[in-house]
Amino acid sequence: MLLKLEGICFSYEKQILNNISFSLDEGELIGIVGKSGIGKT
């Protein structure tokens, strides 16, 4: 396993992510999608 994140929370004027967890192995990609203007950057 290359990367493991657990219990990620993020708020930007309102709660965007709540208790998100994922792992990433070498050679895998992950993308985050959502409405424009909610702070994905």
PDB file of N, CA and C in Angstrom:
ATOM      1  N   MET A   1       0.850  -1.175   0.000  1.00  0.00           N
ATOM      2  CA  MET A   1       0.000   0.000   0.000  1.00  0.00           C
ATOM      3  C   MET A   1       0.898   1.242   0.000  1.00  0.00           C
ATOM      4  N   LEU A   2       0.628   2.146  -0.917  1.00  0.00           N
ATOM      5  CA  LEU A   2       1.406   3.360  -1.073  1.00  0.00           C
ATOM      6  C   LEU A   2       0.900   4.487  -0.171  1.00  0.00           C
ATOM      7  N   LEU A   3      -0.422   4.604  -0.037  1.00  0.00           N
ATOM      8  CA  LEU A   3      -1.026   5.689   0.742  1.00  0.00           C
ATOM      9  C   LEU A   3      -2.316   5.198   1.373  1.00  0.00           C
ATOM     10  N   LYS A   4      -2.539   5.568   2.625  1.00  0.00           N
ATOM     11  CA  LYS A   4      -3.787   5.220   3.308  1.00  0.00           C
ATOM     12  C   LYS A   4      -4.247   6.437   4.113  1.00  0.00           C
ATOM     13  N   LEU A   5      -5.468   6.871   3.870  1.00  0.00           N
ATOM     14  CA  LEU A   5      -6.066   7.988   4.604  1.00  0.00           C
ATOM     15  C   LEU A   5      -7.324   7.480   5.287  1.00  0.00           C
ATOM     16  N   GLU A   6      -7.508   7.878   6.530  1.00  0.00           N
ATOM     17  CA  GLU A   6      -8.674   7.428   7.290  1.00  0.00           C
ATOM     18  C   GLU A   6      -9.311   8.605   8.024  1.00  0.00           C
ATOM     19  N   GLY A   7     -10.625   8.626   8.031  1.00  0.00           N
ATOM     20  CA  GLY A   7     -11.382   9.595   8.816  1.00  0.00           C
ATOM     21  C   GLY A   7     -11.231  11.033   8.373  1.00  0.00           C
ATOM     22  N   ILE A   8     -11.145  11.276   7.077  1.00  0.00           N
ATOM     23  CA  ILE A   8     -10.971  12.630   6.554  1.00  0.00           C
ATOM     24  C   ILE A   8     -12.294  13.391   6.624  1.00  0.00           C
ATOM     25  N   CYS A   9     -12.241  14.597   7.174  1.00  0.00           N
ATOM     26  CA  CYS A   9     -13.394  15.497   7.217  1.00  0.00           C
ATOM     27  C   CYS A   9     -12.959  16.836   6.629  1.00  0.00           C
ATOM     28  N   PHE A  10     -13.879  17.516   5.942  1.00  0.00           N
ATOM     29  CA  PHE A  10     -13.570  18.813   5.344  1.00  0.00           C
ATOM     30  C   PHE A  10     -14.835  19.651   5.303  1.00  0.00           C
ATOM     31  N   SER A  11     -14.718  20.886   5.737  1.00  0.00           N
ATOM     32  CA  SER A  11     -15.845  21.823   5.689  1.00  0.00           C
ATOM     33  C   SER A  11     -15.415  23.083   4.957  1.00  0.00           C
ATOM     34  N   TYR A  12     -16.320  23.635   4.181  1.00  0.00           N
ATOM     35  CA  TYR A  12     -16.117  24.895   3.473  1.00  0.00           C
ATOM     36  C   TYR A  12     -17.480  25.550   3.363  1.00  0.00           C
ATOM     37  N   GLU A  13     -17.811  26.386   4.299  1.00  0.00           N
ATOM     38  CA  GLU A  13     -19.124  27.005   4.474  1.00  0.00           C
ATOM     39  C   GLU A  13     -20.187  25.985   4.882  1.00  0.00           C
ATOM     40  N   LYS A  14     -20.010  24.722   4.569  1.00  0.00           N
ATOM     41  CA  LYS A  14     -20.835  23.624   5.061  1.00  0.00           C
ATOM     42  C   LYS A  14     -19.979  22.353   4.973  1.00  0.00           C
ATOM     43  N   GLN A  15     -20.419  21.291   5.588  1.00  0.00           N
ATOM     44  CA  GLN A  15     -19.630  20.067   5.588  1.00  0.00           C
ATOM     45  C   GLN A  15     -19.638  19.427   4.204  1.00  0.00           C
ATOM     46  N   ILE A  16     -18.438  19.169   3.686  1.00  0.00           N
ATOM     47  CA  ILE A  16     -18.281  18.595   2.354  1.00  0.00           C
ATOM     48  C   ILE A  16     -17.954  17.107   2.451  1.00  0.00           C
ATOM     49  N   LEU A  17     -16.966  16.760   3.268  1.00  0.00           N
ATOM     50  CA  LEU A  17     -16.576  15.366   3.485  1.00  0.00           C
ATOM     51  C   LEU A  17     -16.736  15.029   4.952  1.00  0.00           C
ATOM     52  N   ASN A  18     -17.212  13.832   5.231  1.00  0.00           N
ATOM     53  CA  ASN A  18     -17.379  13.402   6.613  1.00  0.00           C
ATOM     54  C   ASN A  18     -16.928  11.954   6.747  1.00  0.00           C
ATOM     55  N   ASN A  19     -15.815  11.758   7.456  1.00  0.00           N
ATOM     56  CA  ASN A  19     -15.309  10.428   7.774  1.00  0.00           C
ATOM     57  C   ASN A  19     -15.042   9.578   6.526  1.00  0.00           C
ATOM     58  N   ILE A  20     -14.306  10.149   5.555  1.00  0.00           N
ATOM     59  CA  ILE A  20     -13.950   9.450   4.323  1.00  0.00           C
ATOM     60  C   ILE A  20     -12.616   8.740   4.518  1.00  0.00           C
ATOM     61  N   SER A  21     -12.541   7.499   4.082  1.00  0.00           N
ATOM     62  CA  SER A  21     -11.299   6.721   4.171  1.00  0.00           C
ATOM     63  C   SER A  21     -11.054   6.030   2.837  1.00  0.00           C
ATOM     64  N   PHE A  22      -9.763   5.924   2.439  1.00  0.00           N
ATOM     65  CA  PHE A  22      -9.410   5.164   1.244  1.00  0.00           C
ATOM     66  C   PHE A  22      -7.931   4.814   1.297  1.00  0.00           C
ATOM     67  N   SER A  23      -7.560   3.840   0.479  1.00  0.00           N
ATOM     68  CA  SER A  23      -6.155   3.479   0.342  1.00  0.00           C
ATOM     69  C   SER A  23      -5.813   3.466  -1.143  1.00  0.00           C
ATOM     70  N   LEU A  24      -4.546   3.674  -1.432  1.00  0.00           N
ATOM     71  CA  LEU A  24      -4.077   3.778  -2.807  1.00  0.00           C
ATOM     72  C   LEU A  24      -2.828   2.920  -2.945  1.00  0.00           C
ATOM     73  N   ASP A  25      -2.832   2.035  -3.921  1.00  0.00           N
ATOM     74  CA  ASP A  25      -1.669   1.199  -4.206  1.00  0.00           C
ATOM     75  C   ASP A  25      -0.872   1.807  -5.349  1.00  0.00           C
ATOM     76  N   GLU A  26       0.375   1.394  -5.475  1.00  0.00           N
ATOM     77  CA  GLU A  26       1.239   1.893  -6.540  1.00  0.00           C
ATOM     78  C   GLU A  26       0.587   1.641  -7.895  1.00  0.00           C
ATOM     79  N   GLY A  27       0.582   2.662  -8.747  1.00  0.00           N
ATOM     80  CA  GLY A  27      -0.008   2.557 -10.076  1.00  0.00           C
ATOM     81  C   GLY A  27      -1.483   2.900 -10.145  1.00  0.00           C
ATOM     82  N   GLU A  28      -2.140   3.099  -9.013  1.00  0.00           N
ATOM     83  CA  GLU A  28      -3.556   3.465  -9.003  1.00  0.00           C
ATOM     84  C   GLU A  28      -3.711   4.982  -8.987  1.00  0.00           C
ATOM     85  N   LEU A  29      -4.836   5.442  -9.488  1.00  0.00           N
ATOM     86  CA  LEU A  29      -5.186   6.863  -9.480  1.00  0.00           C
ATOM     87  C   LEU A  29      -6.496   7.034  -8.741  1.00  0.00           C
ATOM     88  N   ILE A  30      -6.686   8.213  -8.169  1.00  0.00           N
ATOM     89  CA  ILE A  30      -7.961   8.533  -7.525  1.00  0.00           C
ATOM     90  C   ILE A  30      -8.377   9.921  -7.988  1.00  0.00           C
ATOM     91  N   GLY A  31      -9.658  10.111  -8.173  1.00  0.00           N
ATOM     92  CA  GLY A  31     -10.186  11.408  -8.567  1.00  0.00           C
ATOM     93  C   GLY A  31     -11.281  11.831  -7.617  1.00  0.00           C
ATOM     94  N   ILE A  32     -11.368  13.114  -7.380  1.00  0.00           N
ATOM     95  CA  ILE A  32     -12.425  13.664  -6.524  1.00  0.00           C
ATOM     96  C   ILE A  32     -13.315  14.521  -7.409  1.00  0.00           C
ATOM     97  N   VAL A  33     -14.603  14.216  -7.419  1.00  0.00           N
ATOM     98  CA  VAL A  33     -15.553  14.949  -8.247  1.00  0.00           C
ATOM     99  C   VAL A  33     -16.618  15.579  -7.357  1.00  0.00           C
ATOM    100  N   GLY A  34     -17.192  16.650  -7.821  1.00  0.00           N
ATOM    101  CA  GLY A  34     -18.237  17.321  -7.072  1.00  0.00           C
ATOM    102  C   GLY A  34     -18.606  18.635  -7.740  1.00  0.00           C
ATOM    103  N   LYS A  35     -19.586  19.311  -7.156  1.00  0.00           N
ATOM    104  CA  LYS A  35     -20.081  20.578  -7.679  1.00  0.00           C
ATOM    105  C   LYS A  35     -18.959  21.618  -7.741  1.00  0.00           C
ATOM    106  N   SER A  36     -19.085  22.527  -8.675  1.00  0.00           N
ATOM    107  CA  SER A  36     -18.163  23.632  -8.797  1.00  0.00           C
ATOM    108  C   SER A  36     -18.284  24.544  -7.579  1.00  0.00           C
ATOM    109  N   GLY A  37     -17.140  25.002  -7.070  1.00  0.00           N
ATOM    110  CA  GLY A  37     -17.143  25.977  -5.998  1.00  0.00           C
ATOM    111  C   GLY A  37     -17.235  25.411  -4.582  1.00  0.00           C
ATOM    112  N   ILE A  38     -17.060  24.092  -4.398  1.00  0.00           N
ATOM    113  CA  ILE A  38     -17.173  23.542  -3.042  1.00  0.00           C
ATOM    114  C   ILE A  38     -15.825  23.272  -2.386  1.00  0.00           C
ATOM    115  N   GLY A  39     -14.719  23.639  -3.040  1.00  0.00           N
ATOM    116  CA  GLY A  39     -13.414  23.525  -2.396  1.00  0.00           C
ATOM    117  C   GLY A  39     -12.629  22.261  -2.701  1.00  0.00           C
ATOM    118  N   LYS A  40     -12.826  21.664  -3.838  1.00  0.00           N
ATOM    119  CA  LYS A  40     -12.086  20.449  -4.190  1.00  0.00           C
ATOM    120  C   LYS A  40     -10.603  20.704  -4.363  1.00  0.00           C
ATOM    121  N   THR A  41     -10.225  21.881  -4.741  1.00  0.00           N
ATOM    122  CA  THR A  41      -8.813  22.190  -4.979  1.00  0.00           C
ATOM    123  C   THR A  41      -8.034  22.009  -3.699  1.00  0.00           C
TER     124      THR A  41
END
